[in-house]
N, C-alpha and C. Protein backbone atom coordinates (compact mmCIF):
# COMPACT_ATOMS: atom_id res chain seq x y z
N UNK A 1 -3.00 15.46 -13.24
CA UNK A 1 -1.82 14.72 -12.82
C UNK A 1 -2.11 13.88 -11.58
N UNK A 2 -2.93 14.40 -10.67
CA UNK A 2 -3.24 13.65 -9.46
C UNK A 2 -3.87 12.31 -9.80
N UNK A 3 -4.72 12.27 -10.83
CA UNK A 3 -5.34 11.01 -11.22
C UNK A 3 -4.29 10.03 -11.74
N UNK A 4 -3.29 10.54 -12.47
CA UNK A 4 -2.23 9.66 -12.95
C UNK A 4 -1.45 9.07 -11.80
N UNK A 5 -1.12 9.91 -10.84
CA UNK A 5 -0.38 9.43 -9.67
C UNK A 5 -1.22 8.43 -8.89
N UNK A 6 -2.52 8.72 -8.74
CA UNK A 6 -3.40 7.81 -8.03
C UNK A 6 -3.38 6.43 -8.69
N UNK A 7 -3.41 6.40 -10.03
CA UNK A 7 -3.37 5.13 -10.74
C UNK A 7 -2.09 4.36 -10.44
N UNK A 8 -0.99 5.08 -10.25
CA UNK A 8 0.28 4.42 -9.99
C UNK A 8 0.27 3.66 -8.67
N UNK A 9 -0.63 4.01 -7.76
CA UNK A 9 -0.65 3.37 -6.46
C UNK A 9 -1.74 2.30 -6.32
N UNK A 10 -2.58 2.16 -7.30
CA UNK A 10 -3.65 1.16 -7.20
C UNK A 10 -3.06 -0.24 -7.14
N UNK A 11 -3.56 -1.03 -6.24
CA UNK A 11 -3.19 -2.44 -6.14
C UNK A 11 -1.69 -2.69 -5.98
N UNK A 12 -0.99 -1.76 -5.36
CA UNK A 12 0.44 -1.95 -5.13
C UNK A 12 0.62 -2.84 -3.91
N UNK A 13 1.45 -3.85 -4.05
CA UNK A 13 1.57 -4.88 -3.02
C UNK A 13 1.93 -4.35 -1.64
N UNK A 14 2.77 -3.32 -1.55
CA UNK A 14 3.22 -2.82 -0.25
C UNK A 14 2.55 -1.51 0.12
N UNK A 15 1.49 -1.17 -0.56
CA UNK A 15 0.79 0.09 -0.29
C UNK A 15 -0.11 -0.04 0.92
N UNK A 16 -0.18 1.03 1.70
CA UNK A 16 -1.17 1.05 2.78
C UNK A 16 -2.35 1.94 2.40
N UNK A 17 -2.35 2.41 1.16
CA UNK A 17 -3.48 3.19 0.65
C UNK A 17 -3.36 4.68 0.87
N UNK A 18 -2.36 5.14 1.62
CA UNK A 18 -2.24 6.56 1.93
C UNK A 18 -1.38 7.32 0.91
N UNK A 19 -0.69 6.61 0.06
CA UNK A 19 0.28 7.24 -0.84
C UNK A 19 -0.32 8.30 -1.75
N UNK A 20 -1.45 8.04 -2.43
CA UNK A 20 -2.00 9.09 -3.30
C UNK A 20 -2.34 10.37 -2.53
N UNK A 21 -2.87 10.22 -1.34
CA UNK A 21 -3.21 11.39 -0.53
C UNK A 21 -1.95 12.15 -0.12
N UNK A 22 -0.88 11.43 0.18
CA UNK A 22 0.38 12.08 0.54
C UNK A 22 0.89 12.90 -0.64
N UNK A 23 0.91 12.30 -1.83
CA UNK A 23 1.38 13.00 -3.02
C UNK A 23 0.49 14.21 -3.30
N UNK A 24 -0.82 14.05 -3.17
CA UNK A 24 -1.75 15.17 -3.37
C UNK A 24 -1.44 16.31 -2.39
N UNK A 25 -1.22 15.96 -1.11
CA UNK A 25 -0.93 16.99 -0.10
C UNK A 25 0.43 17.64 -0.34
N UNK A 26 1.42 16.85 -0.73
CA UNK A 26 2.72 17.43 -1.06
C UNK A 26 2.57 18.46 -2.18
N UNK A 27 1.83 18.09 -3.21
CA UNK A 27 1.63 18.99 -4.35
C UNK A 27 0.86 20.23 -3.91
N UNK A 28 -0.23 20.05 -3.16
CA UNK A 28 -1.05 21.18 -2.72
C UNK A 28 -0.27 22.14 -1.82
N UNK A 29 0.64 21.59 -1.02
CA UNK A 29 1.45 22.40 -0.10
C UNK A 29 2.68 23.01 -0.77
N UNK A 30 2.89 22.69 -2.04
CA UNK A 30 4.08 23.18 -2.74
C UNK A 30 5.35 22.50 -2.28
N UNK A 31 5.23 21.31 -1.73
CA UNK A 31 6.38 20.60 -1.17
C UNK A 31 6.88 19.45 -2.05
N UNK A 32 6.20 19.18 -3.15
CA UNK A 32 6.62 18.10 -4.04
C UNK A 32 7.76 18.63 -4.91
N UNK A 33 8.98 18.30 -4.51
CA UNK A 33 10.16 18.83 -5.19
C UNK A 33 10.42 18.12 -6.51
N UNK A 34 10.14 16.82 -6.56
CA UNK A 34 10.41 16.02 -7.75
C UNK A 34 9.44 14.86 -7.79
N UNK A 35 8.79 14.68 -8.95
CA UNK A 35 7.83 13.60 -9.14
C UNK A 35 8.14 12.97 -10.49
N UNK A 36 8.42 11.67 -10.49
CA UNK A 36 8.80 10.99 -11.73
C UNK A 36 7.86 9.81 -11.96
N UNK A 37 7.30 9.74 -13.15
CA UNK A 37 6.44 8.63 -13.54
C UNK A 37 7.18 7.74 -14.53
N UNK A 38 6.98 6.44 -14.44
CA UNK A 38 7.44 5.49 -15.45
C UNK A 38 6.19 5.08 -16.23
N UNK A 39 6.24 5.26 -17.54
CA UNK A 39 5.09 4.94 -18.38
C UNK A 39 5.53 4.07 -19.55
N UNK A 40 4.59 3.31 -20.07
CA UNK A 40 4.81 2.53 -21.27
C UNK A 40 3.48 2.36 -21.98
N UNK A 41 3.42 2.79 -23.22
CA UNK A 41 2.19 2.64 -24.00
C UNK A 41 0.99 3.32 -23.37
N UNK A 42 1.21 4.42 -22.68
CA UNK A 42 0.13 5.15 -22.05
C UNK A 42 -0.28 4.61 -20.69
N UNK A 43 0.37 3.55 -20.24
CA UNK A 43 0.07 2.98 -18.93
C UNK A 43 1.14 3.40 -17.92
N UNK A 44 0.70 3.75 -16.73
CA UNK A 44 1.65 4.10 -15.67
C UNK A 44 2.17 2.82 -15.05
N UNK A 45 3.50 2.71 -14.99
CA UNK A 45 4.13 1.53 -14.41
C UNK A 45 4.62 1.78 -13.00
N UNK A 46 4.95 3.05 -12.70
CA UNK A 46 5.45 3.36 -11.38
C UNK A 46 5.59 4.85 -11.16
N UNK A 47 5.86 5.22 -9.93
CA UNK A 47 5.98 6.62 -9.56
C UNK A 47 6.90 6.74 -8.35
N UNK A 48 7.67 7.83 -8.30
CA UNK A 48 8.47 8.15 -7.12
C UNK A 48 8.35 9.65 -6.88
N UNK A 49 8.30 10.01 -5.60
CA UNK A 49 8.22 11.41 -5.20
C UNK A 49 9.39 11.74 -4.27
N UNK A 50 9.84 12.97 -4.34
CA UNK A 50 10.86 13.50 -3.44
C UNK A 50 10.37 14.84 -2.91
N UNK A 51 10.57 15.09 -1.63
CA UNK A 51 10.15 16.35 -1.02
C UNK A 51 11.21 16.81 -0.03
N UNK A 52 11.21 18.10 0.27
CA UNK A 52 12.18 18.64 1.21
C UNK A 52 11.97 18.05 2.60
N UNK A 53 13.07 17.79 3.29
CA UNK A 53 13.05 17.33 4.68
C UNK A 53 13.97 18.22 5.49
N UNK A 54 13.83 18.15 6.80
CA UNK A 54 14.78 18.83 7.67
C UNK A 54 15.45 17.79 8.56
N UNK A 55 16.71 18.07 8.85
CA UNK A 55 17.50 17.26 9.77
C UNK A 55 18.20 18.26 10.68
N UNK A 56 18.08 18.04 11.97
CA UNK A 56 18.57 19.02 12.95
C UNK A 56 19.95 19.59 12.63
N UNK A 57 20.88 18.75 12.25
CA UNK A 57 22.27 19.19 12.12
C UNK A 57 22.72 19.30 10.66
N UNK A 58 21.80 19.31 9.71
CA UNK A 58 22.16 19.24 8.29
C UNK A 58 22.45 20.61 7.69
N UNK A 59 23.47 20.64 6.85
CA UNK A 59 23.76 21.82 6.05
C UNK A 59 23.32 21.54 4.62
N UNK A 60 22.84 22.56 3.96
CA UNK A 60 22.42 22.40 2.57
C UNK A 60 21.04 21.79 2.46
N UNK A 61 20.48 21.80 1.27
CA UNK A 61 19.14 21.23 1.09
C UNK A 61 19.14 19.70 1.11
N UNK A 62 18.24 19.14 1.89
CA UNK A 62 18.05 17.69 1.99
C UNK A 62 16.64 17.35 1.53
N UNK A 63 16.50 16.16 0.95
CA UNK A 63 15.21 15.71 0.43
C UNK A 63 14.90 14.32 0.94
N UNK A 64 13.61 14.01 0.99
CA UNK A 64 13.15 12.70 1.39
C UNK A 64 12.64 11.94 0.18
N UNK A 65 12.91 10.66 0.14
CA UNK A 65 12.44 9.79 -0.92
C UNK A 65 11.14 9.13 -0.48
N UNK A 66 10.11 9.25 -1.29
CA UNK A 66 8.87 8.56 -1.03
C UNK A 66 7.68 9.49 -1.13
N UNK A 67 6.56 8.93 -1.38
CA UNK A 67 6.29 7.51 -1.65
C UNK A 67 6.85 7.05 -3.00
N UNK A 68 7.02 5.74 -3.10
CA UNK A 68 7.42 5.10 -4.34
C UNK A 68 6.51 3.89 -4.57
N UNK A 69 6.17 3.67 -5.83
CA UNK A 69 5.32 2.51 -6.14
C UNK A 69 5.62 2.00 -7.54
N UNK A 70 5.39 0.71 -7.73
CA UNK A 70 5.47 0.07 -9.03
C UNK A 70 4.26 -0.86 -9.14
N UNK A 71 3.61 -0.83 -10.28
CA UNK A 71 2.44 -1.69 -10.48
C UNK A 71 2.82 -3.13 -10.17
N UNK A 72 1.98 -3.86 -9.43
CA UNK A 72 2.32 -5.24 -9.03
C UNK A 72 2.69 -6.15 -10.20
N UNK A 73 2.04 -5.98 -11.35
CA UNK A 73 2.34 -6.83 -12.50
C UNK A 73 3.71 -6.54 -13.10
N UNK A 74 4.32 -5.41 -12.71
CA UNK A 74 5.60 -5.01 -13.30
C UNK A 74 6.72 -4.94 -12.28
N UNK A 75 6.47 -5.43 -11.08
CA UNK A 75 7.52 -5.43 -10.06
C UNK A 75 8.60 -6.44 -10.42
N UNK A 76 9.78 -6.22 -9.88
CA UNK A 76 10.96 -7.06 -10.09
C UNK A 76 11.49 -6.96 -11.53
N UNK A 77 11.16 -5.85 -12.21
CA UNK A 77 11.69 -5.60 -13.55
C UNK A 77 12.69 -4.46 -13.55
N UNK A 78 12.97 -3.89 -12.38
CA UNK A 78 13.93 -2.80 -12.29
C UNK A 78 13.32 -1.41 -12.44
N UNK A 79 12.00 -1.33 -12.56
CA UNK A 79 11.34 -0.03 -12.75
C UNK A 79 11.54 0.86 -11.52
N UNK A 80 11.31 0.32 -10.34
CA UNK A 80 11.49 1.10 -9.12
C UNK A 80 12.92 1.55 -8.97
N UNK A 81 13.86 0.68 -9.26
CA UNK A 81 15.28 1.03 -9.17
C UNK A 81 15.63 2.16 -10.13
N UNK A 82 15.08 2.10 -11.34
CA UNK A 82 15.34 3.17 -12.32
C UNK A 82 14.74 4.48 -11.86
N UNK A 83 13.54 4.44 -11.28
CA UNK A 83 12.92 5.66 -10.78
C UNK A 83 13.76 6.27 -9.65
N UNK A 84 14.20 5.46 -8.71
CA UNK A 84 15.00 5.95 -7.60
C UNK A 84 16.33 6.51 -8.11
N UNK A 85 17.02 5.76 -8.96
CA UNK A 85 18.31 6.20 -9.49
C UNK A 85 18.17 7.52 -10.25
N UNK A 86 17.15 7.63 -11.06
CA UNK A 86 16.92 8.86 -11.82
C UNK A 86 16.67 10.04 -10.88
N UNK A 87 15.85 9.83 -9.87
CA UNK A 87 15.57 10.89 -8.91
C UNK A 87 16.81 11.31 -8.15
N UNK A 88 17.61 10.36 -7.70
CA UNK A 88 18.83 10.68 -6.97
C UNK A 88 19.81 11.44 -7.87
N UNK A 89 19.92 11.03 -9.13
CA UNK A 89 20.80 11.74 -10.07
C UNK A 89 20.34 13.19 -10.25
N UNK A 90 19.04 13.38 -10.37
CA UNK A 90 18.51 14.74 -10.56
C UNK A 90 18.72 15.60 -9.31
N UNK A 91 18.51 15.02 -8.14
CA UNK A 91 18.75 15.77 -6.91
C UNK A 91 20.22 16.17 -6.79
N UNK A 92 21.10 15.21 -7.05
CA UNK A 92 22.54 15.47 -6.97
C UNK A 92 22.92 16.60 -7.93
N UNK A 93 22.42 16.53 -9.16
CA UNK A 93 22.74 17.55 -10.17
C UNK A 93 22.18 18.92 -9.80
N UNK A 94 21.11 18.94 -9.02
CA UNK A 94 20.48 20.21 -8.65
C UNK A 94 21.19 20.88 -7.47
N UNK A 95 22.15 20.19 -6.85
CA UNK A 95 22.88 20.77 -5.73
C UNK A 95 22.39 20.33 -4.36
N UNK A 96 21.53 19.33 -4.32
CA UNK A 96 21.06 18.81 -3.03
C UNK A 96 22.24 18.26 -2.23
N UNK A 97 22.20 18.42 -0.92
CA UNK A 97 23.25 17.88 -0.05
C UNK A 97 23.08 16.39 0.14
N UNK A 98 21.82 15.91 0.08
CA UNK A 98 21.58 14.49 0.27
C UNK A 98 20.11 14.15 0.27
N UNK A 99 19.85 12.88 0.53
CA UNK A 99 18.48 12.36 0.52
C UNK A 99 18.35 11.38 1.69
N UNK A 100 17.18 11.39 2.30
CA UNK A 100 16.91 10.50 3.44
C UNK A 100 15.61 9.75 3.20
N UNK A 101 15.44 8.66 3.93
CA UNK A 101 14.20 7.89 3.83
C UNK A 101 14.04 7.02 5.06
N UNK A 102 12.83 6.52 5.22
CA UNK A 102 12.54 5.50 6.22
C UNK A 102 12.09 4.28 5.44
N UNK A 103 12.84 3.18 5.56
CA UNK A 103 12.51 1.98 4.81
C UNK A 103 13.48 0.86 5.11
N UNK A 104 13.23 -0.27 4.49
CA UNK A 104 14.05 -1.46 4.68
C UNK A 104 15.44 -1.24 4.08
N UNK A 105 16.49 -1.32 4.89
CA UNK A 105 17.84 -1.10 4.37
C UNK A 105 18.21 -2.04 3.23
N UNK A 106 17.67 -3.24 3.22
CA UNK A 106 17.98 -4.19 2.14
C UNK A 106 17.52 -3.66 0.78
N UNK A 107 16.51 -2.81 0.78
CA UNK A 107 15.98 -2.30 -0.49
C UNK A 107 16.74 -1.09 -1.01
N UNK A 108 17.53 -0.42 -0.18
CA UNK A 108 18.11 0.85 -0.59
C UNK A 108 19.63 0.92 -0.48
N UNK A 109 20.27 -0.08 0.09
CA UNK A 109 21.74 -0.06 0.23
C UNK A 109 22.44 0.00 -1.12
N UNK A 110 21.87 -0.62 -2.14
CA UNK A 110 22.52 -0.63 -3.46
C UNK A 110 22.60 0.76 -4.08
N UNK A 111 21.80 1.70 -3.60
CA UNK A 111 21.85 3.08 -4.10
C UNK A 111 22.85 3.92 -3.33
N UNK A 112 23.40 3.36 -2.25
CA UNK A 112 24.34 4.09 -1.42
C UNK A 112 23.75 4.62 -0.13
N UNK A 113 22.48 4.29 0.15
CA UNK A 113 21.88 4.71 1.42
C UNK A 113 22.54 3.97 2.57
N UNK A 114 22.71 4.67 3.67
CA UNK A 114 23.37 4.12 4.84
C UNK A 114 22.51 4.36 6.07
N UNK A 115 22.44 3.36 6.90
CA UNK A 115 21.75 3.47 8.18
C UNK A 115 22.78 3.22 9.26
N UNK A 116 23.23 4.29 9.91
CA UNK A 116 24.28 4.16 10.92
C UNK A 116 23.86 4.70 12.28
N UNK A 117 22.56 4.97 12.45
CA UNK A 117 22.06 5.43 13.73
C UNK A 117 22.21 6.93 13.95
N UNK A 118 22.81 7.64 13.01
CA UNK A 118 23.00 9.09 13.17
C UNK A 118 21.69 9.86 12.96
N UNK A 119 20.78 9.30 12.17
CA UNK A 119 19.47 9.94 11.96
C UNK A 119 18.42 9.20 12.77
N UNK A 120 17.47 9.94 13.30
CA UNK A 120 16.38 9.34 14.05
C UNK A 120 15.05 9.83 13.51
N UNK A 121 14.04 9.03 13.73
CA UNK A 121 12.67 9.39 13.38
C UNK A 121 11.79 8.81 14.48
N UNK A 122 10.91 9.62 15.07
CA UNK A 122 10.12 9.16 16.22
C UNK A 122 9.35 7.86 15.95
N UNK A 123 9.53 6.91 16.86
CA UNK A 123 8.79 5.66 16.80
C UNK A 123 9.31 4.64 15.80
N UNK A 124 10.43 4.94 15.15
CA UNK A 124 10.98 4.04 14.13
C UNK A 124 12.35 3.54 14.59
N UNK A 125 12.58 2.25 14.42
CA UNK A 125 13.89 1.67 14.71
C UNK A 125 14.93 2.42 13.88
N UNK A 126 15.99 2.96 14.49
CA UNK A 126 16.99 3.74 13.76
C UNK A 126 17.63 3.00 12.58
N UNK A 127 17.60 1.68 12.57
CA UNK A 127 18.19 0.96 11.44
C UNK A 127 17.39 1.15 10.15
N UNK A 128 16.16 1.66 10.26
CA UNK A 128 15.33 1.91 9.08
C UNK A 128 15.41 3.36 8.60
N UNK A 129 16.11 4.20 9.35
CA UNK A 129 16.25 5.61 8.99
C UNK A 129 17.59 5.75 8.28
N UNK A 130 17.54 6.09 6.98
CA UNK A 130 18.72 6.03 6.13
C UNK A 130 18.97 7.35 5.43
N UNK A 131 20.21 7.51 4.96
CA UNK A 131 20.56 8.70 4.20
C UNK A 131 21.69 8.40 3.23
N UNK A 132 21.72 9.23 2.19
CA UNK A 132 22.84 9.22 1.25
C UNK A 132 23.32 10.67 1.15
N UNK A 133 24.61 10.87 1.31
CA UNK A 133 25.20 12.20 1.27
C UNK A 133 25.75 12.45 -0.13
N UNK A 134 25.34 13.57 -0.74
CA UNK A 134 25.89 13.96 -2.05
C UNK A 134 27.10 14.86 -1.88
N UNK A 135 27.05 15.75 -0.89
CA UNK A 135 28.21 16.58 -0.57
C UNK A 135 28.14 17.00 0.89
N UNK A 136 29.30 17.36 1.44
CA UNK A 136 29.34 17.80 2.83
C UNK A 136 29.41 16.63 3.79
N UNK A 137 29.23 16.98 5.06
CA UNK A 137 29.29 15.98 6.12
C UNK A 137 27.96 15.27 6.31
N UNK A 138 28.01 14.06 6.81
CA UNK A 138 26.79 13.32 7.14
C UNK A 138 26.12 14.00 8.32
N UNK A 139 24.83 14.30 8.19
CA UNK A 139 24.14 14.95 9.30
C UNK A 139 23.81 13.98 10.42
N UNK A 140 23.49 14.55 11.56
CA UNK A 140 23.08 13.76 12.71
C UNK A 140 21.89 14.48 13.34
N UNK A 141 20.88 13.71 13.73
CA UNK A 141 19.74 14.32 14.41
C UNK A 141 18.42 13.77 13.92
N UNK A 142 17.38 14.45 14.32
CA UNK A 142 16.02 14.03 14.02
C UNK A 142 15.64 14.42 12.58
N UNK A 143 15.12 13.45 11.86
CA UNK A 143 14.62 13.63 10.50
C UNK A 143 13.15 14.02 10.57
N UNK A 144 12.78 15.08 9.84
CA UNK A 144 11.38 15.53 9.80
C UNK A 144 10.93 15.64 8.35
N UNK A 145 9.88 14.93 8.02
CA UNK A 145 9.28 14.99 6.68
C UNK A 145 8.25 16.10 6.62
N UNK A 146 7.84 16.44 5.42
CA UNK A 146 6.80 17.45 5.21
C UNK A 146 5.52 17.04 5.94
N UNK A 147 4.72 18.03 6.28
CA UNK A 147 3.46 17.80 7.01
C UNK A 147 2.54 16.86 6.26
N UNK A 148 2.69 16.76 4.94
CA UNK A 148 1.83 15.89 4.13
C UNK A 148 1.91 14.43 4.54
N UNK A 149 2.98 14.04 5.21
CA UNK A 149 3.14 12.65 5.63
C UNK A 149 2.38 12.34 6.93
N UNK A 150 1.89 13.37 7.58
CA UNK A 150 1.14 13.20 8.82
C UNK A 150 -0.34 13.29 8.51
N UNK A 151 -1.10 12.23 8.77
CA UNK A 151 -2.53 12.26 8.47
C UNK A 151 -3.23 13.40 9.23
N UNK A 152 -4.18 14.00 8.56
CA UNK A 152 -4.92 15.13 9.18
C UNK A 152 -5.83 14.66 10.27
């Protein structure tokens, strides 16, 4: 499976090259909560991962979105949006309290993600730290991703 995921990140326009290693570490650490591949005719078109996160003031289980990738030749076809929507639906159905991410608000507002400054992440402009609440109150505090996101 790691090879399949690695293929999903090859030549991705917005990749910094660390994504396959992050997914491998999430899996090795038992922290990969949800991994969804988009395939067609045996070719991988995209991938999205979700892992547990902590937020200082959060109740219930929270998850982080990412990494996400879509093959450059298939971008702007809605594949990434379908992967994200499917993952969020599955998290919601599983009883997750919400999902958080660090990314461009323009790319995630359509899914219901909100950046209101209540979540922080060290060294990142708070406008890029976003969350979507499935149930309960919106948390406030520092967002912490799994150790797999920190290079060794």
